[in-house]
N, C-alpha and C. Protein backbone atom coordinates (compact mmCIF):
# COMPACT_ATOMS: atom_id res chain seq x y z
N MET A 1 -82.74 -28.55 -66.42
CA MET A 1 -83.50 -29.65 -67.24
C MET A 1 -83.25 -30.91 -66.66
N THR A 2 -84.27 -31.66 -66.54
CA THR A 2 -84.11 -33.12 -65.93
C THR A 2 -83.79 -34.03 -67.04
N ASP A 3 -83.04 -35.11 -66.73
CA ASP A 3 -82.65 -36.07 -67.74
C ASP A 3 -84.15 -36.67 -68.08
N PRO A 4 -84.27 -36.92 -69.41
CA PRO A 4 -85.58 -37.35 -69.91
C PRO A 4 -85.82 -38.92 -69.60
N TRP A 5 -86.96 -39.34 -69.93
CA TRP A 5 -87.28 -40.76 -69.93
C TRP A 5 -86.44 -41.41 -70.97
N ASN A 6 -86.16 -42.75 -70.69
CA ASN A 6 -85.56 -43.48 -71.79
C ASN A 6 -86.56 -43.90 -72.74
N ALA A 7 -86.63 -43.46 -73.94
CA ALA A 7 -87.70 -43.82 -74.95
C ALA A 7 -88.05 -45.30 -75.28
N THR A 8 -87.01 -46.12 -74.87
CA THR A 8 -87.33 -47.59 -75.01
C THR A 8 -87.95 -48.31 -73.77
N ASP A 9 -88.18 -47.46 -72.70
CA ASP A 9 -88.73 -48.12 -71.37
C ASP A 9 -90.18 -48.22 -71.70
N PRO A 10 -90.69 -49.40 -71.03
CA PRO A 10 -92.05 -49.65 -71.18
C PRO A 10 -93.12 -48.44 -70.83
N GLY A 11 -93.97 -48.29 -71.53
CA GLY A 11 -94.90 -47.29 -71.32
C GLY A 11 -94.57 -45.85 -71.78
N VAL A 12 -93.43 -45.71 -72.24
CA VAL A 12 -92.96 -44.39 -72.71
C VAL A 12 -93.35 -44.09 -74.23
N LEU A 13 -94.09 -42.98 -74.43
CA LEU A 13 -94.43 -42.51 -75.64
C LEU A 13 -93.89 -41.30 -76.07
N ARG A 14 -93.19 -41.47 -77.26
CA ARG A 14 -92.46 -40.10 -77.87
C ARG A 14 -93.55 -39.50 -78.96
N LEU A 15 -93.77 -38.37 -78.75
CA LEU A 15 -94.58 -37.52 -79.56
C LEU A 15 -93.75 -36.88 -80.80
N PRO A 16 -94.49 -36.50 -81.78
CA PRO A 16 -93.57 -36.09 -82.99
C PRO A 16 -92.68 -34.91 -82.64
N SER A 17 -92.93 -34.15 -81.61
CA SER A 17 -91.99 -33.03 -81.28
C SER A 17 -90.58 -33.62 -80.46
N GLY A 18 -90.81 -34.78 -80.10
CA GLY A 18 -89.80 -35.31 -79.23
C GLY A 18 -90.11 -35.52 -77.77
N ARG A 19 -91.16 -34.86 -77.49
CA ARG A 19 -91.48 -34.87 -75.96
C ARG A 19 -91.81 -36.36 -75.62
N LEU A 20 -91.36 -36.70 -74.45
CA LEU A 20 -91.61 -38.03 -73.95
C LEU A 20 -92.76 -38.01 -72.82
N PHE A 21 -93.58 -38.98 -72.71
CA PHE A 21 -94.47 -39.23 -71.50
C PHE A 21 -94.46 -40.55 -71.10
N ARG A 22 -94.53 -40.88 -69.95
CA ARG A 22 -94.72 -42.27 -69.53
C ARG A 22 -96.24 -42.56 -69.08
N GLY A 23 -96.89 -43.42 -69.55
CA GLY A 23 -98.26 -43.70 -69.27
C GLY A 23 -98.09 -45.05 -68.55
N ARG A 24 -99.03 -45.26 -67.44
CA ARG A 24 -98.87 -46.40 -66.56
C ARG A 24 -100.06 -46.65 -65.81
N ALA A 25 -100.37 -47.82 -65.35
CA ALA A 25 -101.42 -48.22 -64.58
C ALA A 25 -101.02 -48.01 -62.97
N LEU A 26 -101.74 -47.08 -62.29
CA LEU A 26 -101.57 -47.01 -60.86
C LEU A 26 -101.75 -48.32 -60.15
N ARG A 27 -102.60 -49.16 -60.53
CA ARG A 27 -102.82 -50.55 -59.91
C ARG A 27 -101.64 -51.44 -59.97
N ARG A 28 -100.68 -51.22 -60.73
CA ARG A 28 -99.43 -52.06 -60.87
C ARG A 28 -98.49 -51.37 -60.22
N PRO A 29 -97.43 -52.06 -59.74
CA PRO A 29 -96.18 -51.54 -58.99
C PRO A 29 -95.34 -50.53 -59.80
N LEU A 30 -94.85 -49.52 -59.25
CA LEU A 30 -94.10 -48.54 -59.85
C LEU A 30 -92.89 -49.32 -60.75
N PRO A 31 -92.87 -48.91 -62.05
CA PRO A 31 -91.64 -49.62 -62.61
C PRO A 31 -90.41 -49.24 -62.06
N ALA A 32 -89.34 -50.22 -62.12
CA ALA A 32 -88.07 -50.00 -61.65
C ALA A 32 -87.27 -48.83 -62.53
N GLY A 33 -86.35 -48.23 -61.86
CA GLY A 33 -85.62 -47.14 -62.58
C GLY A 33 -86.08 -45.85 -62.41
N THR A 34 -85.98 -44.99 -63.27
CA THR A 34 -86.29 -43.58 -63.23
C THR A 34 -87.85 -43.29 -62.70
N THR A 35 -87.84 -42.21 -62.06
CA THR A 35 -89.21 -41.93 -61.55
C THR A 35 -89.70 -40.48 -62.14
N PRO A 36 -90.89 -40.20 -62.24
CA PRO A 36 -91.26 -38.88 -62.76
C PRO A 36 -90.79 -37.76 -61.86
N THR A 37 -90.87 -36.61 -62.50
CA THR A 37 -90.55 -35.33 -61.70
C THR A 37 -92.06 -34.56 -61.37
N TYR A 38 -92.94 -35.09 -62.41
CA TYR A 38 -94.42 -34.51 -62.46
C TYR A 38 -95.25 -35.55 -63.00
N ALA A 39 -96.62 -35.63 -62.43
CA ALA A 39 -97.50 -36.71 -62.73
C ALA A 39 -98.80 -36.13 -62.78
N VAL A 40 -99.74 -36.54 -63.75
CA VAL A 40 -100.95 -36.30 -63.88
C VAL A 40 -101.76 -37.48 -63.56
N TYR A 41 -102.49 -37.57 -62.53
CA TYR A 41 -103.35 -38.79 -62.16
C TYR A 41 -104.85 -38.63 -62.64
N LEU A 42 -105.32 -39.56 -63.23
CA LEU A 42 -106.66 -39.51 -63.85
C LEU A 42 -107.58 -40.43 -63.07
N LEU A 43 -108.15 -39.97 -62.02
CA LEU A 43 -109.00 -40.89 -61.14
C LEU A 43 -110.26 -40.27 -60.65
N GLY A 44 -111.07 -40.97 -60.34
CA GLY A 44 -112.34 -40.46 -59.84
C GLY A 44 -112.29 -40.04 -58.33
N LYS A 45 -111.24 -40.36 -57.66
CA LYS A 45 -111.03 -39.81 -56.14
C LYS A 45 -109.56 -39.42 -56.15
N GLN A 46 -109.26 -38.58 -55.06
CA GLN A 46 -108.10 -38.16 -54.70
C GLN A 46 -106.99 -39.33 -54.94
N PRO A 47 -105.89 -38.99 -55.70
CA PRO A 47 -104.77 -39.96 -55.70
C PRO A 47 -103.96 -40.02 -54.48
N PRO A 48 -103.28 -41.31 -54.28
CA PRO A 48 -102.44 -41.40 -53.27
C PRO A 48 -101.08 -40.54 -53.23
N GLU A 49 -100.46 -40.34 -52.14
CA GLU A 49 -99.48 -39.45 -52.01
C GLU A 49 -98.33 -39.89 -52.91
N ALA A 50 -97.41 -39.20 -53.45
CA ALA A 50 -96.35 -39.58 -54.30
C ALA A 50 -95.08 -38.64 -53.91
N PRO A 51 -93.83 -39.12 -53.95
CA PRO A 51 -92.68 -38.33 -53.82
C PRO A 51 -92.34 -37.27 -54.78
N TRP A 52 -93.22 -37.20 -55.83
CA TRP A 52 -93.00 -36.12 -56.92
C TRP A 52 -94.31 -35.32 -57.02
N GLN A 53 -94.29 -34.29 -57.64
CA GLN A 53 -95.42 -33.31 -57.86
C GLN A 53 -96.50 -34.05 -58.52
N VAL A 54 -97.73 -34.04 -58.07
CA VAL A 54 -98.81 -34.62 -58.65
C VAL A 54 -99.97 -33.55 -58.93
N ARG A 55 -100.59 -33.78 -60.12
CA ARG A 55 -101.85 -33.00 -60.32
C ARG A 55 -102.89 -34.12 -60.54
N TRP A 56 -104.08 -33.86 -59.92
CA TRP A 56 -105.26 -34.80 -60.05
C TRP A 56 -106.27 -34.23 -61.02
N LEU A 57 -106.55 -34.93 -61.92
CA LEU A 57 -107.77 -34.55 -62.83
C LEU A 57 -108.81 -35.52 -62.61
N ARG A 58 -109.86 -35.00 -62.01
CA ARG A 58 -111.08 -36.00 -61.66
C ARG A 58 -111.49 -36.50 -63.02
N TRP A 59 -111.47 -37.81 -63.07
CA TRP A 59 -111.94 -38.50 -64.25
C TRP A 59 -112.42 -39.93 -63.98
N PRO A 60 -113.52 -40.21 -63.80
CA PRO A 60 -114.02 -41.49 -63.35
C PRO A 60 -113.85 -42.54 -64.41
N ASP A 61 -113.66 -43.76 -63.80
CA ASP A 61 -113.19 -44.96 -64.81
C ASP A 61 -114.09 -45.20 -65.85
N PHE A 62 -113.65 -45.31 -67.15
CA PHE A 62 -114.43 -45.49 -68.40
C PHE A 62 -115.24 -44.35 -68.76
N TRP A 63 -114.97 -43.06 -68.18
CA TRP A 63 -115.71 -42.04 -68.59
C TRP A 63 -114.79 -40.95 -69.11
N LEU A 64 -115.25 -39.71 -69.03
CA LEU A 64 -114.60 -38.44 -69.30
C LEU A 64 -114.22 -37.64 -68.23
N PRO A 65 -113.27 -36.72 -68.56
CA PRO A 65 -112.89 -35.77 -67.34
C PRO A 65 -114.15 -35.06 -66.97
N SER A 66 -114.22 -34.77 -65.61
CA SER A 66 -115.33 -34.09 -65.08
C SER A 66 -115.50 -32.62 -65.51
N SER A 67 -114.39 -32.06 -66.01
CA SER A 67 -114.31 -30.68 -66.45
C SER A 67 -113.41 -30.60 -67.64
N HIS A 68 -114.14 -30.21 -68.83
CA HIS A 68 -113.12 -30.31 -70.09
C HIS A 68 -112.26 -29.03 -69.82
N THR A 69 -112.67 -27.90 -69.30
CA THR A 69 -111.86 -26.84 -69.14
C THR A 69 -110.72 -27.10 -68.30
N GLN A 70 -110.75 -27.87 -67.13
CA GLN A 70 -109.68 -28.44 -66.29
C GLN A 70 -108.79 -29.27 -67.09
N ALA A 71 -109.40 -30.09 -67.70
CA ALA A 71 -108.53 -31.22 -68.57
C ALA A 71 -107.63 -30.43 -69.69
N ARG A 72 -108.16 -29.45 -70.24
CA ARG A 72 -107.28 -28.63 -71.25
C ARG A 72 -106.19 -28.04 -70.62
N ALA A 73 -106.41 -27.48 -69.39
CA ALA A 73 -105.37 -26.69 -68.58
C ALA A 73 -104.33 -27.69 -67.97
N VAL A 74 -104.87 -28.78 -67.46
CA VAL A 74 -103.89 -29.78 -66.95
C VAL A 74 -103.10 -30.49 -67.93
N LEU A 75 -103.79 -30.85 -68.88
CA LEU A 75 -102.96 -31.62 -70.15
C LEU A 75 -101.92 -30.42 -70.87
N GLY A 76 -102.47 -29.35 -70.93
CA GLY A 76 -101.54 -28.21 -71.58
C GLY A 76 -100.31 -27.97 -70.72
N GLU A 77 -100.53 -28.04 -69.39
CA GLU A 77 -99.34 -27.85 -68.40
C GLU A 77 -98.49 -29.12 -68.49
N ALA A 78 -99.09 -30.27 -68.60
CA ALA A 78 -98.10 -31.35 -68.61
C ALA A 78 -97.28 -31.46 -70.09
N TRP A 79 -98.01 -31.04 -71.16
CA TRP A 79 -97.27 -30.89 -72.40
C TRP A 79 -96.18 -29.91 -72.26
N ASP A 80 -96.35 -28.80 -71.77
CA ASP A 80 -95.28 -27.69 -71.59
C ASP A 80 -94.22 -28.37 -70.66
N ARG A 81 -94.57 -29.02 -69.59
CA ARG A 81 -93.58 -29.45 -68.54
C ARG A 81 -92.57 -30.59 -69.32
N ALA A 82 -93.35 -31.43 -70.18
CA ALA A 82 -92.48 -32.46 -70.67
C ALA A 82 -91.37 -31.96 -71.62
N GLY A 83 -91.22 -30.77 -71.92
CA GLY A 83 -90.27 -30.20 -72.54
C GLY A 83 -88.88 -30.21 -71.78
N ALA A 84 -89.13 -30.34 -70.49
CA ALA A 84 -87.87 -30.17 -69.56
C ALA A 84 -87.97 -31.21 -68.40
N GLU A 85 -89.01 -31.92 -68.28
CA GLU A 85 -89.15 -32.83 -67.22
C GLU A 85 -89.72 -34.15 -67.56
N ARG A 86 -89.64 -35.16 -66.60
CA ARG A 86 -90.02 -36.43 -66.78
C ARG A 86 -91.63 -36.43 -66.33
N VAL A 87 -92.67 -36.53 -67.39
CA VAL A 87 -93.89 -36.41 -67.06
C VAL A 87 -94.48 -37.78 -67.03
N GLU A 88 -95.47 -38.15 -66.14
CA GLU A 88 -96.14 -39.36 -66.19
C GLU A 88 -97.64 -39.14 -66.13
N ILE A 89 -98.31 -39.93 -66.99
CA ILE A 89 -99.73 -40.04 -67.04
C ILE A 89 -100.17 -41.21 -66.68
N ALA A 90 -101.17 -41.45 -65.61
CA ALA A 90 -101.63 -42.60 -65.17
C ALA A 90 -103.15 -42.61 -64.72
N CYS A 91 -103.62 -43.87 -64.77
CA CYS A 91 -105.04 -43.92 -64.28
C CYS A 91 -104.99 -45.38 -63.60
N GLY A 92 -106.05 -45.85 -63.06
CA GLY A 92 -105.96 -47.22 -62.45
C GLY A 92 -105.51 -48.30 -63.24
N GLY A 93 -106.00 -48.46 -64.47
CA GLY A 93 -105.58 -49.56 -65.41
C GLY A 93 -104.69 -49.22 -66.39
N GLY A 94 -104.38 -48.10 -66.70
CA GLY A 94 -103.38 -47.61 -67.64
C GLY A 94 -103.79 -47.59 -69.09
N ARG A 95 -104.96 -47.77 -69.44
CA ARG A 95 -105.38 -47.83 -70.86
C ARG A 95 -106.35 -46.78 -71.15
N GLY A 96 -107.68 -46.99 -70.79
CA GLY A 96 -108.68 -46.11 -71.26
C GLY A 96 -108.32 -44.54 -70.84
N ARG A 97 -108.36 -44.17 -69.67
CA ARG A 97 -108.18 -42.63 -69.41
C ARG A 97 -106.71 -42.25 -69.79
N THR A 98 -105.81 -43.19 -69.57
CA THR A 98 -104.31 -42.84 -69.85
C THR A 98 -104.15 -42.61 -71.32
N GLY A 99 -104.73 -43.62 -72.07
CA GLY A 99 -104.62 -43.62 -73.53
C GLY A 99 -105.28 -42.39 -74.06
N THR A 100 -106.47 -42.07 -73.48
CA THR A 100 -107.30 -40.80 -73.93
C THR A 100 -106.46 -39.68 -73.70
N ALA A 101 -105.71 -39.41 -72.43
CA ALA A 101 -104.99 -38.24 -72.25
C ALA A 101 -103.83 -38.24 -73.14
N LEU A 102 -103.08 -39.47 -73.39
CA LEU A 102 -101.92 -39.21 -74.33
C LEU A 102 -102.24 -38.87 -75.60
N ALA A 103 -103.70 -39.38 -76.06
CA ALA A 103 -104.03 -38.94 -77.50
C ALA A 103 -104.43 -37.44 -77.48
N CYS A 104 -104.85 -36.94 -76.39
CA CYS A 104 -105.10 -35.45 -76.35
C CYS A 104 -103.77 -34.74 -76.35
N LEU A 105 -102.78 -35.45 -75.67
CA LEU A 105 -101.47 -34.67 -75.64
C LEU A 105 -100.81 -34.71 -77.10
N ALA A 106 -101.16 -35.75 -77.85
CA ALA A 106 -100.64 -35.99 -79.19
C ALA A 106 -101.41 -34.82 -79.98
N VAL A 107 -102.58 -34.55 -79.82
CA VAL A 107 -103.28 -33.52 -80.43
C VAL A 107 -102.51 -32.24 -80.19
N LEU A 108 -102.41 -31.96 -78.83
CA LEU A 108 -101.63 -30.59 -78.58
C LEU A 108 -100.40 -30.54 -79.27
N ASP A 109 -99.62 -31.62 -79.49
CA ASP A 109 -98.46 -31.76 -80.11
C ASP A 109 -98.34 -31.64 -81.62
N GLY A 110 -99.54 -31.62 -82.29
CA GLY A 110 -99.75 -31.39 -83.76
C GLY A 110 -100.30 -32.63 -84.39
N VAL A 111 -100.64 -33.78 -83.76
CA VAL A 111 -101.17 -34.84 -84.52
C VAL A 111 -102.59 -34.56 -84.72
N PRO A 112 -103.00 -34.71 -86.08
CA PRO A 112 -104.48 -34.47 -86.29
C PRO A 112 -105.29 -35.30 -85.34
N ALA A 113 -106.53 -34.45 -84.87
CA ALA A 113 -107.31 -35.30 -83.84
C ALA A 113 -107.89 -36.57 -84.30
N GLU A 114 -108.13 -36.71 -85.69
CA GLU A 114 -108.80 -37.90 -86.17
C GLU A 114 -107.86 -38.92 -86.24
N ARG A 115 -106.57 -38.79 -85.97
CA ARG A 115 -105.26 -39.69 -86.10
C ARG A 115 -104.84 -39.99 -84.69
N ALA A 116 -105.16 -39.27 -83.71
CA ALA A 116 -104.45 -39.13 -82.51
C ALA A 116 -104.71 -40.67 -81.76
N VAL A 117 -105.74 -41.22 -81.81
CA VAL A 117 -106.05 -42.47 -81.20
C VAL A 117 -105.26 -43.56 -81.77
N GLU A 118 -105.20 -43.62 -83.25
CA GLU A 118 -104.55 -44.60 -83.85
C GLU A 118 -102.89 -44.33 -83.68
N PHE A 119 -102.41 -43.14 -83.41
CA PHE A 119 -100.96 -42.88 -83.00
C PHE A 119 -100.64 -43.35 -81.80
N VAL A 120 -101.48 -43.16 -80.70
CA VAL A 120 -101.28 -43.84 -79.38
C VAL A 120 -101.34 -45.29 -79.47
N ARG A 121 -102.31 -45.94 -80.14
CA ARG A 121 -102.46 -47.31 -80.14
C ARG A 121 -101.28 -47.88 -81.01
N ARG A 122 -100.62 -47.28 -81.84
CA ARG A 122 -99.55 -47.84 -82.62
C ARG A 122 -98.25 -47.60 -81.83
N ASN A 123 -98.00 -46.62 -81.08
CA ASN A 123 -96.78 -46.12 -80.45
C ASN A 123 -96.82 -46.38 -78.95
N HIS A 124 -97.96 -46.87 -78.27
CA HIS A 124 -97.98 -46.90 -76.93
C HIS A 124 -98.72 -48.19 -76.42
N ASP A 125 -100.02 -48.45 -76.74
CA ASP A 125 -100.73 -49.60 -76.20
C ASP A 125 -101.83 -49.77 -77.27
N SER A 126 -101.89 -50.92 -77.89
CA SER A 126 -102.76 -51.34 -78.87
C SER A 126 -104.12 -51.26 -78.42
N ARG A 127 -104.41 -51.33 -77.08
CA ARG A 127 -105.82 -51.24 -76.63
C ARG A 127 -106.03 -49.98 -75.78
N ALA A 128 -105.30 -48.94 -76.11
CA ALA A 128 -105.53 -47.61 -75.35
C ALA A 128 -106.81 -46.92 -76.00
N VAL A 129 -107.53 -46.12 -75.27
CA VAL A 129 -108.78 -45.48 -75.38
C VAL A 129 -109.71 -46.52 -75.62
N GLU A 130 -110.54 -46.87 -74.53
CA GLU A 130 -111.37 -47.91 -74.53
C GLU A 130 -112.88 -47.89 -74.91
N THR A 131 -113.38 -46.60 -75.00
CA THR A 131 -114.71 -46.48 -75.04
C THR A 131 -114.99 -45.41 -76.48
N PRO A 132 -116.20 -45.67 -76.93
CA PRO A 132 -116.56 -44.80 -78.20
C PRO A 132 -116.57 -43.24 -77.51
N TRP A 133 -117.07 -42.92 -76.49
CA TRP A 133 -117.00 -41.62 -76.03
C TRP A 133 -115.58 -41.10 -75.70
N GLN A 134 -114.63 -41.91 -75.47
CA GLN A 134 -113.21 -41.44 -75.20
C GLN A 134 -112.75 -41.14 -76.63
N LYS A 135 -113.02 -41.92 -77.58
CA LYS A 135 -112.60 -41.67 -78.87
C LYS A 135 -113.11 -40.30 -79.46
N ARG A 136 -114.29 -40.13 -79.11
CA ARG A 136 -115.02 -38.88 -79.64
C ARG A 136 -114.45 -37.66 -78.84
N TYR A 137 -114.11 -37.83 -77.66
CA TYR A 137 -113.52 -36.69 -76.84
C TYR A 137 -112.14 -36.40 -77.36
N VAL A 138 -111.35 -37.27 -77.75
CA VAL A 138 -110.14 -36.89 -78.44
C VAL A 138 -110.35 -36.34 -79.88
N ARG A 139 -111.32 -36.74 -80.54
CA ARG A 139 -111.60 -36.09 -81.98
C ARG A 139 -111.91 -34.58 -81.69
N ARG A 140 -112.78 -34.34 -80.63
CA ARG A 140 -113.12 -32.90 -80.26
C ARG A 140 -112.22 -32.11 -79.29
N PHE A 141 -111.25 -32.62 -78.83
CA PHE A 141 -110.34 -32.02 -77.86
C PHE A 141 -109.82 -30.59 -78.32
N ALA A 142 -109.53 -30.42 -79.63
CA ALA A 142 -109.07 -29.19 -80.00
C ALA A 142 -110.02 -28.14 -80.26
N ASP A 143 -111.35 -28.46 -80.30
CA ASP A 143 -112.26 -27.67 -80.53
C ASP A 143 -112.52 -26.57 -79.38
């Protein structure tokens, strides 16, 4: 098992199960300190190389994942791995797609889908999940 994220570090979200995820913006410099062991990058194009394992989920800015089936699989794997690894979720700006993915992870963790966006906004970023269709995606994620 890898040492976990520090729950008080910027961008780290603790889910009700205790799993920790770091959400961040890829357009900003890598935060100092601990690095991820696994990352999910939510971008419209191939992500840059990283010294840790990266999964790319094609997800254009301000929109939704190109494949719901792939999104469920990738986020399910991220949730599983967060039990023993430092998992990072990131997009360009770190709010819309990242917040939406974190809210979907909260749903997988047992947060009711209709409360997952509010959970992420309260515990991660008050402006997470930027568009009405991203909010709707979270509410329907478990379906």
